[in-house]
Amino acid sequence: MIYILTGNIRTGKTTALLEWVSGRTDIDGLLCPDGDNGKRYFLKIESQEKFELEVESESEKTIAIGPFQFLKSAFEEANKYLLEANERRDFKYLIIDELGKLELKNEGLNHAAEILIPQYVMNEYFHLIIVVRESLIEETLKHYNIFKYKIIMKDDLKSLSFRT
């Protein structure tokens, strides 16, 4: 099953996920919270390992989206991690935070999303939670040919069950 966690920009979707995954062993994937310096980073849920994503200055090693600069190497590591986690499949929920404008341009986490989404559309045992801002839902559904899904808001996370 695919769950699309949505809401407007900067409304606490990632923060809600951070709280929801805390102490759980049936979840893996990546979150993209803001660091103490205000820059976003990737967090591997299972190991709690962090790696840099957003940087100050533009270079040949970055991808620009609006005023933000993201490390290409971070997306390479993130895509690899998501695919490796999927191979292990030692969880009930896999999280991708988030699919946005970069992915709609076939960049960012697009590589992993293209491979993972078809595997979860009809899966009743393992679930993919994708964070998508509200304004990009329709475009994201079309881009990834997602035809079966459930839209959830951050308050709905509490109702998703623990592994039995």
C-alpha atoms as a PDB file:
ATOM      1  CA  MET A   1       0.000   0.000   0.000  1.00  0.00           C
ATOM      2  CA  ILE A   2       1.159   3.499  -0.734  1.00  0.00           C
ATOM      3  CA  TYR A   3       0.397   6.255   1.736  1.00  0.00           C
ATOM      4  CA  ILE A   4       0.938   9.833   0.648  1.00  0.00           C
ATOM      5  CA  LEU A   5       1.610  12.067   3.629  1.00  0.00           C
ATOM      6  CA  THR A   6       0.708  15.560   2.595  1.00  0.00           C
ATOM      7  CA  GLY A   7       0.183  19.085   3.816  1.00  0.00           C
ATOM      8  CA  ASN A   8       1.369  22.529   2.925  1.00  0.00           C
ATOM      9  CA  ILE A   9       5.038  23.487   2.972  1.00  0.00           C
ATOM     10  CA  ARG A  10       6.615  23.840   6.442  1.00  0.00           C
ATOM     11  CA  THR A  11       3.590  22.448   8.338  1.00  0.00           C
ATOM     12  CA  GLY A  12       5.412  19.784  10.363  1.00  0.00           C
ATOM     13  CA  LYS A  13       5.153  16.674   8.179  1.00  0.00           C
ATOM     14  CA  THR A  14       8.758  15.628   8.794  1.00  0.00           C
ATOM     15  CA  THR A  15       8.552  16.542  12.475  1.00  0.00           C
ATOM     16  CA  ALA A  16       5.447  14.351  12.817  1.00  0.00           C
ATOM     17  CA  LEU A  17       7.303  11.496  11.106  1.00  0.00           C
ATOM     18  CA  LEU A  18      10.293  11.936  13.435  1.00  0.00           C
ATOM     19  CA  GLU A  19       7.963  11.530  16.406  1.00  0.00           C
ATOM     20  CA  TRP A  20       6.094   8.602  14.823  1.00  0.00           C
ATOM     21  CA  VAL A  21       9.239   6.585  14.030  1.00  0.00           C
ATOM     22  CA  SER A  22      10.824   7.173  17.444  1.00  0.00           C
ATOM     23  CA  GLY A  23      11.377   3.886  19.247  1.00  0.00           C
ATOM     24  CA  ARG A  24       9.879   1.783  16.458  1.00  0.00           C
ATOM     25  CA  THR A  25      11.647  -1.115  14.769  1.00  0.00           C
ATOM     26  CA  ASP A  26       9.193  -1.704  11.908  1.00  0.00           C
ATOM     27  CA  ILE A  27      10.154   1.397   9.891  1.00  0.00           C
ATOM     28  CA  ASP A  28      13.060   2.300   7.632  1.00  0.00           C
ATOM     29  CA  GLY A  29      13.750   4.847   4.939  1.00  0.00           C
ATOM     30  CA  LEU A  30      14.858   8.449   4.922  1.00  0.00           C
ATOM     31  CA  LEU A  31      13.668  11.601   6.602  1.00  0.00           C
ATOM     32  CA  CYS A  32      14.793  15.072   5.629  1.00  0.00           C
ATOM     33  CA  PRO A  33      14.642  17.310   8.717  1.00  0.00           C
ATOM     34  CA  ASP A  34      16.217  20.706   9.278  1.00  0.00           C
ATOM     35  CA  GLY A  35      19.468  20.729  11.225  1.00  0.00           C
ATOM     36  CA  ASP A  36      20.434  23.103  14.008  1.00  0.00           C
ATOM     37  CA  ASN A  37      22.021  25.306  11.331  1.00  0.00           C
ATOM     38  CA  GLY A  38      18.708  25.515   9.418  1.00  0.00           C
ATOM     39  CA  LYS A  39      20.032  23.333   6.579  1.00  0.00           C
ATOM     40  CA  ARG A  40      18.312  20.083   5.658  1.00  0.00           C
ATOM     41  CA  TYR A  41      20.040  16.733   5.983  1.00  0.00           C
ATOM     42  CA  PHE A  42      19.086  13.113   5.382  1.00  0.00           C
ATOM     43  CA  LEU A  43      18.430  10.820   8.330  1.00  0.00           C
ATOM     44  CA  LYS A  44      18.541   7.053   7.861  1.00  0.00           C
ATOM     45  CA  ILE A  45      15.686   5.945  10.074  1.00  0.00           C
ATOM     46  CA  GLU A  46      16.940   2.530  11.147  1.00  0.00           C
ATOM     47  CA  SER A  47      20.508   3.535  12.094  1.00  0.00           C
ATOM     48  CA  GLN A  48      19.763   7.204  12.886  1.00  0.00           C
ATOM     49  CA  GLU A  49      22.815   8.069  10.746  1.00  0.00           C
ATOM     50  CA  LYS A  50      22.779  11.607   9.339  1.00  0.00           C
ATOM     51  CA  PHE A  51      24.374  12.888   6.162  1.00  0.00           C
ATOM     52  CA  GLU A  52      24.579  16.367   4.714  1.00  0.00           C
ATOM     53  CA  LEU A  53      22.140  17.399   1.983  1.00  0.00           C
ATOM     54  CA  GLU A  54      21.771  21.175   1.838  1.00  0.00           C
ATOM     55  CA  VAL A  55      24.795  23.461   1.516  1.00  0.00           C
ATOM     56  CA  GLU A  56      25.381  27.203   1.281  1.00  0.00           C
ATOM     57  CA  SER A  57      27.001  27.708  -2.092  1.00  0.00           C
ATOM     58  CA  GLU A  58      26.392  26.546  -5.626  1.00  0.00           C
ATOM     59  CA  SER A  59      28.983  24.387  -7.345  1.00  0.00           C
ATOM     60  CA  GLU A  60      29.284  21.628  -9.926  1.00  0.00           C
ATOM     61  CA  LYS A  61      28.602  19.236  -7.015  1.00  0.00           C
ATOM     62  CA  THR A  62      25.163  20.700  -6.264  1.00  0.00           C
ATOM     63  CA  ILE A  63      21.660  20.785  -7.689  1.00  0.00           C
ATOM     64  CA  ALA A  64      19.778  24.053  -7.353  1.00  0.00           C
ATOM     65  CA  ILE A  65      16.070  24.203  -6.661  1.00  0.00           C
ATOM     66  CA  GLY A  66      14.881  27.729  -6.020  1.00  0.00           C
ATOM     67  CA  PRO A  67      17.270  29.343  -3.529  1.00  0.00           C
ATOM     68  CA  PHE A  68      18.435  25.971  -2.174  1.00  0.00           C
ATOM     69  CA  GLN A  69      21.600  24.045  -3.036  1.00  0.00           C
ATOM     70  CA  PHE A  70      21.597  20.269  -2.542  1.00  0.00           C
ATOM     71  CA  LEU A  71      24.555  17.914  -2.824  1.00  0.00           C
ATOM     72  CA  LYS A  72      24.309  15.517  -5.770  1.00  0.00           C
ATOM     73  CA  SER A  73      26.315  12.993  -3.731  1.00  0.00           C
ATOM     74  CA  ALA A  74      23.662  13.074  -0.984  1.00  0.00           C
ATOM     75  CA  PHE A  75      20.977  12.093  -3.461  1.00  0.00           C
ATOM     76  CA  GLU A  76      23.196   9.298  -4.800  1.00  0.00           C
ATOM     77  CA  GLU A  77      23.662   7.961  -1.263  1.00  0.00           C
ATOM     78  CA  ALA A  78      19.956   8.406  -0.474  1.00  0.00           C
ATOM     79  CA  ASN A  79      18.787   6.535  -3.582  1.00  0.00           C
ATOM     80  CA  LYS A  80      21.240   3.724  -2.839  1.00  0.00           C
ATOM     81  CA  TYR A  81      20.106   3.509   0.779  1.00  0.00           C
ATOM     82  CA  LEU A  82      16.407   3.321  -0.104  1.00  0.00           C
ATOM     83  CA  LEU A  83      16.998   0.545  -2.629  1.00  0.00           C
ATOM     84  CA  GLU A  84      19.211  -1.418  -0.217  1.00  0.00           C
ATOM     85  CA  ALA A  85      16.641  -1.045   2.581  1.00  0.00           C
ATOM     86  CA  ASN A  86      13.984  -2.351   0.228  1.00  0.00           C
ATOM     87  CA  GLU A  87      16.127  -5.408  -0.529  1.00  0.00           C
ATOM     88  CA  ARG A  88      16.404  -6.205   3.209  1.00  0.00           C
ATOM     89  CA  ARG A  89      12.692  -5.626   3.695  1.00  0.00           C
ATOM     90  CA  ASP A  90      12.972  -5.974   7.489  1.00  0.00           C
ATOM     91  CA  PHE A  91      10.272  -3.381   8.144  1.00  0.00           C
ATOM     92  CA  LYS A  92       6.582  -2.794   7.617  1.00  0.00           C
ATOM     93  CA  TYR A  93       6.880   0.842   6.496  1.00  0.00           C
ATOM     94  CA  LEU A  94       9.451   2.437   4.174  1.00  0.00           C
ATOM     95  CA  ILE A  95       9.501   6.245   4.126  1.00  0.00           C
ATOM     96  CA  ILE A  96      10.610   8.594   1.359  1.00  0.00           C
ATOM     97  CA  ASP A  97      10.767  12.204   2.563  1.00  0.00           C
ATOM     98  CA  GLU A  98      10.068  13.760   0.109  1.00  0.00           C
ATOM     99  CA  LEU A  99       9.098  13.668  -3.558  1.00  0.00           C
ATOM    100  CA  GLY A 100       8.978  17.189  -4.924  1.00  0.00           C
ATOM    101  CA  LYS A 101      10.037  19.433  -7.769  1.00  0.00           C
ATOM    102  CA  LEU A 102      13.440  17.757  -8.260  1.00  0.00           C
ATOM    103  CA  GLU A 103      11.874  14.325  -8.581  1.00  0.00           C
ATOM    104  CA  LEU A 104       9.331  15.635 -11.083  1.00  0.00           C
ATOM    105  CA  LYS A 105      12.368  16.690 -13.156  1.00  0.00           C
ATOM    106  CA  ASN A 106      13.783  13.128 -12.810  1.00  0.00           C
ATOM    107  CA  GLU A 107      16.393  14.211 -10.263  1.00  0.00           C
ATOM    108  CA  GLY A 108      16.750  13.923  -6.494  1.00  0.00           C
ATOM    109  CA  LEU A 109      15.152  10.712  -5.180  1.00  0.00           C
ATOM    110  CA  ASN A 110      13.513   9.917  -8.514  1.00  0.00           C
ATOM    111  CA  HIS A 111      15.664   6.850  -9.234  1.00  0.00           C
ATOM    112  CA  ALA A 112      14.593   5.054  -6.051  1.00  0.00           C
ATOM    113  CA  ALA A 113      10.980   6.237  -6.357  1.00  0.00           C
ATOM    114  CA  GLU A 114      10.649   4.840  -9.892  1.00  0.00           C
ATOM    115  CA  ILE A 115      11.808   1.421  -8.707  1.00  0.00           C
ATOM    116  CA  LEU A 116      10.021   1.326  -5.349  1.00  0.00           C
ATOM    117  CA  ILE A 117       6.565   2.701  -6.134  1.00  0.00           C
ATOM    118  CA  PRO A 118       5.469  -0.140  -8.461  1.00  0.00           C
ATOM    119  CA  GLN A 119       6.515  -2.681  -5.805  1.00  0.00           C
ATOM    120  CA  TYR A 120       4.196  -1.176  -3.179  1.00  0.00           C
ATOM    121  CA  VAL A 121       1.088  -0.163  -5.127  1.00  0.00           C
ATOM    122  CA  MET A 122      -0.680  -3.492  -4.586  1.00  0.00           C
ATOM    123  CA  ASN A 123       1.313  -4.753  -1.586  1.00  0.00           C
ATOM    124  CA  GLU A 124      -0.825  -5.455   1.474  1.00  0.00           C
ATOM    125  CA  TYR A 125       2.045  -6.437   3.796  1.00  0.00           C
ATOM    126  CA  PHE A 126       4.650  -3.745   3.226  1.00  0.00           C
ATOM    127  CA  HIS A 127       3.828  -0.060   2.953  1.00  0.00           C
ATOM    128  CA  LEU A 128       5.511   2.926   1.335  1.00  0.00           C
ATOM    129  CA  ILE A 129       4.961   6.332   2.903  1.00  0.00           C
ATOM    130  CA  ILE A 130       5.789   9.165   0.530  1.00  0.00           C
ATOM    131  CA  VAL A 131       5.866  12.784   1.661  1.00  0.00           C
ATOM    132  CA  VAL A 132       4.456  15.096  -1.031  1.00  0.00           C
ATOM    133  CA  ARG A 133       3.498  18.717  -0.570  1.00  0.00           C
ATOM    134  CA  GLU A 134      -0.177  19.342  -1.232  1.00  0.00           C
ATOM    135  CA  SER A 135       0.373  21.454  -4.361  1.00  0.00           C
ATOM    136  CA  LEU A 136       2.299  18.625  -6.090  1.00  0.00           C
ATOM    137  CA  ILE A 137       0.044  15.631  -5.396  1.00  0.00           C
ATOM    138  CA  GLU A 138      -1.696  15.412  -8.765  1.00  0.00           C
ATOM    139  CA  GLU A 139       1.519  15.927 -10.713  1.00  0.00           C
ATOM    140  CA  THR A 140       3.313  13.318  -8.563  1.00  0.00           C
ATOM    141  CA  LEU A 141       0.530  10.743  -8.999  1.00  0.00           C
ATOM    142  CA  LYS A 142       0.697  11.198 -12.761  1.00  0.00           C
ATOM    143  CA  HIS A 143       4.508  11.229 -12.945  1.00  0.00           C
ATOM    144  CA  TYR A 144       4.831   7.920 -11.068  1.00  0.00           C
ATOM    145  CA  ASN A 145       1.616   6.357 -12.364  1.00  0.00           C
ATOM    146  CA  ILE A 146       0.306   5.855  -8.828  1.00  0.00           C
ATOM    147  CA  PHE A 147      -3.249   4.614  -9.172  1.00  0.00           C
ATOM    148  CA  LYS A 148      -3.896   3.054  -5.767  1.00  0.00           C
ATOM    149  CA  TYR A 149      -2.980   5.056  -2.668  1.00  0.00           C
ATOM    150  CA  LYS A 150      -4.306   6.631   0.489  1.00  0.00           C
ATOM    151  CA  ILE A 151      -3.815  10.299   1.304  1.00  0.00           C
ATOM    152  CA  ILE A 152      -2.927  10.901   4.948  1.00  0.00           C
ATOM    153  CA  MET A 153      -2.205  13.946   7.048  1.00  0.00           C
ATOM    154  CA  LYS A 154       0.305  14.082   9.892  1.00  0.00           C
ATOM    155  CA  ASP A 155      -2.415  13.392  12.493  1.00  0.00           C
ATOM    156  CA  ASP A 156      -3.311  10.158  10.656  1.00  0.00           C
ATOM    157  CA  LEU A 157       0.111   8.630  11.408  1.00  0.00           C
ATOM    158  CA  LYS A 158      -1.109   7.557  14.849  1.00  0.00           C
ATOM    159  CA  SER A 159      -3.678   5.255  13.237  1.00  0.00           C
ATOM    160  CA  LEU A 160      -1.096   3.298  11.190  1.00  0.00           C
ATOM    161  CA  SER A 161      -0.507   0.030  12.999  1.00  0.00           C
ATOM    162  CA  PHE A 162       2.598  -1.506  14.518  1.00  0.00           C
ATOM    163  CA  ARG A 163       3.917  -4.740  13.050  1.00  0.00           C
ATOM    164  CA  THR A 164       2.147  -7.743  14.514  1.00  0.00           C
END
